[in-house]
């Protein structure tokens, strides 16, 4: 039986055999995980998981649990106190041929204006292997791919502000 990750779990993402990056499971919806990855490299598994509380994420991405389930991203502990600080991004999705704005947790869904449709990205869930390669590329290990442009945390912060500015509904 595999490892069942819980919201708040802090984990390690291998970079190059020596260094690792810290990540955290921020929230989950069914099998879709919302993870944060931080910009600090660590050399050891003997890291205090609470060190993520004071860090800003470099990546916020939707993924699946394969790397956590199989232990490839070892879990260090569970931290809850910083979870409210992560933005809840919004995306555009097509429903019955109409573009909608939809929150990450799917609590908000409504037709998108043309301006919103221009700004927002389509919701996409990336494999943990792709996210791991993006993290490695962020730290200069491997090459950056245009696909990785979907992961930087800035989008989550910007799209969450857009939703807040619109009052969540029109």
C-alpha atoms as a PDB file:
ATOM      1  CA  UNK A   1       0.000   0.000   0.000  1.00  0.00           C
ATOM      2  CA  UNK A   2       1.269   3.462  -0.872  1.00  0.00           C
ATOM      3  CA  UNK A   3       1.594   6.606   1.179  1.00  0.00           C
ATOM      4  CA  UNK A   4      -1.558   8.697   1.595  1.00  0.00           C
ATOM      5  CA  UNK A   5      -0.489  12.336   1.673  1.00  0.00           C
ATOM      6  CA  UNK A   6      -2.494  14.803   3.721  1.00  0.00           C
ATOM      7  CA  UNK A   7      -3.067  18.519   3.214  1.00  0.00           C
ATOM      8  CA  UNK A   8      -0.227  20.325   4.976  1.00  0.00           C
ATOM      9  CA  UNK A   9       2.379  17.605   4.356  1.00  0.00           C
ATOM     10  CA  UNK A  10       5.832  19.030   3.694  1.00  0.00           C
ATOM     11  CA  UNK A  11       7.940  16.934   1.345  1.00  0.00           C
ATOM     12  CA  UNK A  12      11.264  16.830  -0.476  1.00  0.00           C
ATOM     13  CA  UNK A  13      11.700  16.977  -4.241  1.00  0.00           C
ATOM     14  CA  UNK A  14      15.027  15.559  -5.463  1.00  0.00           C
ATOM     15  CA  UNK A  15      17.099  17.911  -7.576  1.00  0.00           C
ATOM     16  CA  UNK A  16      20.461  16.349  -8.412  1.00  0.00           C
ATOM     17  CA  UNK A  17      21.247  13.456  -6.069  1.00  0.00           C
ATOM     18  CA  UNK A  18      22.626  15.851  -3.450  1.00  0.00           C
ATOM     19  CA  UNK A  19      20.207  18.748  -3.110  1.00  0.00           C
ATOM     20  CA  UNK A  20      16.452  18.744  -2.714  1.00  0.00           C
ATOM     21  CA  UNK A  21      13.703  21.357  -2.757  1.00  0.00           C
ATOM     22  CA  UNK A  22      10.952  21.675  -0.183  1.00  0.00           C
ATOM     23  CA  UNK A  23       7.337  21.302  -1.226  1.00  0.00           C
ATOM     24  CA  UNK A  24       3.998  21.321   0.553  1.00  0.00           C
ATOM     25  CA  UNK A  25       0.592  19.881  -0.228  1.00  0.00           C
ATOM     26  CA  UNK A  26      -1.520  23.032   0.042  1.00  0.00           C
ATOM     27  CA  UNK A  27      -4.944  21.561  -0.706  1.00  0.00           C
ATOM     28  CA  UNK A  28      -6.685  18.810  -2.606  1.00  0.00           C
ATOM     29  CA  UNK A  29      -9.868  18.307  -4.574  1.00  0.00           C
ATOM     30  CA  UNK A  30     -10.688  14.686  -5.299  1.00  0.00           C
ATOM     31  CA  UNK A  31      -7.454  13.340  -6.848  1.00  0.00           C
ATOM     32  CA  UNK A  32      -6.173  16.775  -7.884  1.00  0.00           C
ATOM     33  CA  UNK A  33      -3.459  18.116  -5.583  1.00  0.00           C
ATOM     34  CA  UNK A  34      -2.451  21.762  -5.250  1.00  0.00           C
ATOM     35  CA  UNK A  35       1.224  21.911  -4.284  1.00  0.00           C
ATOM     36  CA  UNK A  36       3.677  24.653  -3.407  1.00  0.00           C
ATOM     37  CA  UNK A  37       7.404  24.356  -4.019  1.00  0.00           C
ATOM     38  CA  UNK A  38       9.779  26.734  -2.290  1.00  0.00           C
ATOM     39  CA  UNK A  39      13.014  28.301  -3.487  1.00  0.00           C
ATOM     40  CA  UNK A  40      15.308  26.927  -0.805  1.00  0.00           C
ATOM     41  CA  UNK A  41      17.632  24.027  -1.588  1.00  0.00           C
ATOM     42  CA  UNK A  42      18.352  21.600   1.231  1.00  0.00           C
ATOM     43  CA  UNK A  43      21.075  18.961   1.363  1.00  0.00           C
ATOM     44  CA  UNK A  44      19.639  16.710   4.016  1.00  0.00           C
ATOM     45  CA  UNK A  45      16.385  15.075   4.990  1.00  0.00           C
ATOM     46  CA  UNK A  46      16.961  16.398   8.494  1.00  0.00           C
ATOM     47  CA  UNK A  47      15.039  19.610   7.794  1.00  0.00           C
ATOM     48  CA  UNK A  48      12.458  21.158  10.054  1.00  0.00           C
ATOM     49  CA  UNK A  49       9.184  21.030   8.083  1.00  0.00           C
ATOM     50  CA  UNK A  50       8.084  24.255   9.809  1.00  0.00           C
ATOM     51  CA  UNK A  51      10.804  26.114   7.886  1.00  0.00           C
ATOM     52  CA  UNK A  52       8.293  26.466   5.018  1.00  0.00           C
ATOM     53  CA  UNK A  53       6.126  28.819   7.100  1.00  0.00           C
ATOM     54  CA  UNK A  54       8.382  31.807   6.403  1.00  0.00           C
ATOM     55  CA  UNK A  55       9.074  30.968   2.752  1.00  0.00           C
ATOM     56  CA  UNK A  56       7.398  32.218  -0.403  1.00  0.00           C
ATOM     57  CA  UNK A  57       6.559  29.579  -2.994  1.00  0.00           C
ATOM     58  CA  UNK A  58       8.276  29.740  -6.371  1.00  0.00           C
ATOM     59  CA  UNK A  59       5.800  27.272  -7.882  1.00  0.00           C
ATOM     60  CA  UNK A  60       2.127  26.617  -7.216  1.00  0.00           C
ATOM     61  CA  UNK A  61       0.752  23.854  -9.393  1.00  0.00           C
ATOM     62  CA  UNK A  62      -1.993  21.286  -9.807  1.00  0.00           C
ATOM     63  CA  UNK A  63      -0.733  17.723  -9.916  1.00  0.00           C
ATOM     64  CA  UNK A  64      -1.440  14.137  -8.930  1.00  0.00           C
ATOM     65  CA  UNK A  65      -0.132  12.057  -6.024  1.00  0.00           C
ATOM     66  CA  UNK A  66       2.157   9.505  -7.748  1.00  0.00           C
ATOM     67  CA  UNK A  67       5.488  10.859  -6.422  1.00  0.00           C
ATOM     68  CA  UNK A  68       4.072  11.182  -2.881  1.00  0.00           C
ATOM     69  CA  UNK A  69       2.218   7.846  -2.997  1.00  0.00           C
ATOM     70  CA  UNK A  70       5.347   5.935  -4.046  1.00  0.00           C
ATOM     71  CA  UNK A  71       7.671   7.782  -1.639  1.00  0.00           C
ATOM     72  CA  UNK A  72       9.686   9.515  -4.367  1.00  0.00           C
ATOM     73  CA  UNK A  73       8.866  12.803  -2.638  1.00  0.00           C
ATOM     74  CA  UNK A  74       9.466  11.841   1.012  1.00  0.00           C
ATOM     75  CA  UNK A  75       7.181  13.514   3.543  1.00  0.00           C
ATOM     76  CA  UNK A  76       8.944  15.296   6.412  1.00  0.00           C
ATOM     77  CA  UNK A  77       5.927  16.282   8.503  1.00  0.00           C
ATOM     78  CA  UNK A  78       2.685  18.209   8.448  1.00  0.00           C
ATOM     79  CA  UNK A  79       2.364  21.994   8.802  1.00  0.00           C
ATOM     80  CA  UNK A  80      -1.040  23.674   8.920  1.00  0.00           C
ATOM     81  CA  UNK A  81      -0.402  27.250  10.052  1.00  0.00           C
ATOM     82  CA  UNK A  82       0.625  28.618   6.643  1.00  0.00           C
ATOM     83  CA  UNK A  83      -2.086  27.034   4.488  1.00  0.00           C
ATOM     84  CA  UNK A  84      -4.376  30.090   4.512  1.00  0.00           C
ATOM     85  CA  UNK A  85      -1.569  32.217   3.045  1.00  0.00           C
ATOM     86  CA  UNK A  86      -1.608  30.411  -0.307  1.00  0.00           C
ATOM     87  CA  UNK A  87      -3.736  32.032  -3.014  1.00  0.00           C
ATOM     88  CA  UNK A  88      -6.531  30.095  -4.631  1.00  0.00           C
ATOM     89  CA  UNK A  89      -5.990  30.620  -8.362  1.00  0.00           C
ATOM     90  CA  UNK A  90      -8.735  30.807 -10.947  1.00  0.00           C
ATOM     91  CA  UNK A  91      -8.733  29.370 -14.428  1.00  0.00           C
ATOM     92  CA  UNK A  92     -10.760  29.449 -17.567  1.00  0.00           C
ATOM     93  CA  UNK A  93     -12.610  26.290 -18.506  1.00  0.00           C
ATOM     94  CA  UNK A  94     -14.961  25.512 -21.336  1.00  0.00           C
ATOM     95  CA  UNK A  95     -18.410  24.336 -20.260  1.00  0.00           C
ATOM     96  CA  UNK A  96     -20.957  23.489 -22.962  1.00  0.00           C
ATOM     97  CA  UNK A  97     -18.962  25.558 -25.448  1.00  0.00           C
ATOM     98  CA  UNK A  98     -18.846  28.653 -23.218  1.00  0.00           C
ATOM     99  CA  UNK A  99     -15.721  29.919 -21.444  1.00  0.00           C
ATOM    100  CA  UNK A 100     -16.166  30.104 -17.687  1.00  0.00           C
ATOM    101  CA  UNK A 101     -14.026  31.421 -14.861  1.00  0.00           C
ATOM    102  CA  UNK A 102     -13.559  28.686 -12.252  1.00  0.00           C
ATOM    103  CA  UNK A 103     -11.790  28.742  -8.913  1.00  0.00           C
ATOM    104  CA  UNK A 104      -9.225  26.079  -8.096  1.00  0.00           C
ATOM    105  CA  UNK A 105     -11.552  24.526  -5.543  1.00  0.00           C
ATOM    106  CA  UNK A 106     -14.507  24.809  -7.944  1.00  0.00           C
ATOM    107  CA  UNK A 107     -16.584  26.875  -5.492  1.00  0.00           C
ATOM    108  CA  UNK A 108     -16.859  29.684  -8.058  1.00  0.00           C
ATOM    109  CA  UNK A 109     -17.867  29.079 -11.643  1.00  0.00           C
ATOM    110  CA  UNK A 110     -19.475  31.609 -13.950  1.00  0.00           C
ATOM    111  CA  UNK A 111     -19.199  32.801 -17.540  1.00  0.00           C
ATOM    112  CA  UNK A 112     -15.959  34.649 -18.223  1.00  0.00           C
ATOM    113  CA  UNK A 113     -15.880  38.078 -19.784  1.00  0.00           C
ATOM    114  CA  UNK A 114     -13.732  38.452 -22.913  1.00  0.00           C
ATOM    115  CA  UNK A 115     -11.167  40.388 -20.834  1.00  0.00           C
ATOM    116  CA  UNK A 116     -10.996  37.613 -18.226  1.00  0.00           C
ATOM    117  CA  UNK A 117     -10.693  34.976 -20.929  1.00  0.00           C
ATOM    118  CA  UNK A 118      -7.667  36.871 -22.304  1.00  0.00           C
ATOM    119  CA  UNK A 119      -5.919  36.996 -18.924  1.00  0.00           C
ATOM    120  CA  UNK A 120      -6.690  33.577 -17.469  1.00  0.00           C
ATOM    121  CA  UNK A 121      -5.052  30.259 -18.281  1.00  0.00           C
ATOM    122  CA  UNK A 122      -6.865  27.025 -18.901  1.00  0.00           C
ATOM    123  CA  UNK A 123      -6.939  24.688 -15.931  1.00  0.00           C
ATOM    124  CA  UNK A 124      -4.329  21.989 -16.369  1.00  0.00           C
ATOM    125  CA  UNK A 125      -3.079  19.250 -14.099  1.00  0.00           C
ATOM    126  CA  UNK A 126       0.537  18.250 -14.678  1.00  0.00           C
ATOM    127  CA  UNK A 127       2.197  14.989 -13.809  1.00  0.00           C
ATOM    128  CA  UNK A 128       4.477  15.046 -10.770  1.00  0.00           C
ATOM    129  CA  UNK A 129       7.389  14.037 -13.036  1.00  0.00           C
ATOM    130  CA  UNK A 130       6.912  17.178 -15.145  1.00  0.00           C
ATOM    131  CA  UNK A 131       6.712  19.343 -12.029  1.00  0.00           C
ATOM    132  CA  UNK A 132       9.890  17.730 -10.715  1.00  0.00           C
ATOM    133  CA  UNK A 133      11.696  18.498 -13.984  1.00  0.00           C
ATOM    134  CA  UNK A 134      10.434  22.106 -13.824  1.00  0.00           C
ATOM    135  CA  UNK A 135      11.759  22.467 -10.278  1.00  0.00           C
ATOM    136  CA  UNK A 136      15.098  21.044 -11.343  1.00  0.00           C
ATOM    137  CA  UNK A 137      15.226  23.481 -14.284  1.00  0.00           C
ATOM    138  CA  UNK A 138      14.362  26.356 -11.933  1.00  0.00           C
ATOM    139  CA  UNK A 139      17.486  25.473  -9.941  1.00  0.00           C
ATOM    140  CA  UNK A 140      19.612  25.231 -13.107  1.00  0.00           C
ATOM    141  CA  UNK A 141      19.546  21.445 -13.401  1.00  0.00           C
ATOM    142  CA  UNK A 142      18.253  20.633 -16.859  1.00  0.00           C
ATOM    143  CA  UNK A 143      16.725  22.938 -19.427  1.00  0.00           C
ATOM    144  CA  UNK A 144      13.674  25.114 -19.033  1.00  0.00           C
ATOM    145  CA  UNK A 145      10.712  24.124 -21.186  1.00  0.00           C
ATOM    146  CA  UNK A 146       7.948  26.552 -22.184  1.00  0.00           C
ATOM    147  CA  UNK A 147       5.491  24.103 -20.555  1.00  0.00           C
ATOM    148  CA  UNK A 148       6.999  25.035 -17.174  1.00  0.00           C
ATOM    149  CA  UNK A 149       5.759  28.609 -17.583  1.00  0.00           C
ATOM    150  CA  UNK A 150       2.441  27.424 -16.098  1.00  0.00           C
ATOM    151  CA  UNK A 151       3.974  26.708 -12.685  1.00  0.00           C
ATOM    152  CA  UNK A 152       5.420  29.942 -11.239  1.00  0.00           C
ATOM    153  CA  UNK A 153       3.473  31.088  -8.191  1.00  0.00           C
ATOM    154  CA  UNK A 154       2.894  34.562  -9.669  1.00  0.00           C
ATOM    155  CA  UNK A 155      -0.069  33.300 -11.724  1.00  0.00           C
ATOM    156  CA  UNK A 156      -1.856  31.968  -8.637  1.00  0.00           C
ATOM    157  CA  UNK A 157      -1.392  35.296  -6.833  1.00  0.00           C
ATOM    158  CA  UNK A 158      -2.474  37.372  -9.860  1.00  0.00           C
ATOM    159  CA  UNK A 159      -5.539  35.315 -10.738  1.00  0.00           C
ATOM    160  CA  UNK A 160      -6.655  35.177  -7.084  1.00  0.00           C
ATOM    161  CA  UNK A 161      -6.470  38.993  -6.976  1.00  0.00           C
ATOM    162  CA  UNK A 162      -8.568  39.147 -10.148  1.00  0.00           C
ATOM    163  CA  UNK A 163     -11.275  37.044  -8.554  1.00  0.00           C
ATOM    164  CA  UNK A 164     -11.167  39.091  -5.349  1.00  0.00           C
ATOM    165  CA  UNK A 165     -11.386  42.351  -7.323  1.00  0.00           C
ATOM    166  CA  UNK A 166     -14.453  41.059  -9.113  1.00  0.00           C
ATOM    167  CA  UNK A 167     -16.105  40.163  -5.831  1.00  0.00           C
ATOM    168  CA  UNK A 168     -16.262  36.494  -6.892  1.00  0.00           C
ATOM    169  CA  UNK A 169     -19.434  37.124  -8.873  1.00  0.00           C
ATOM    170  CA  UNK A 170     -20.848  39.604 -11.318  1.00  0.00           C
END
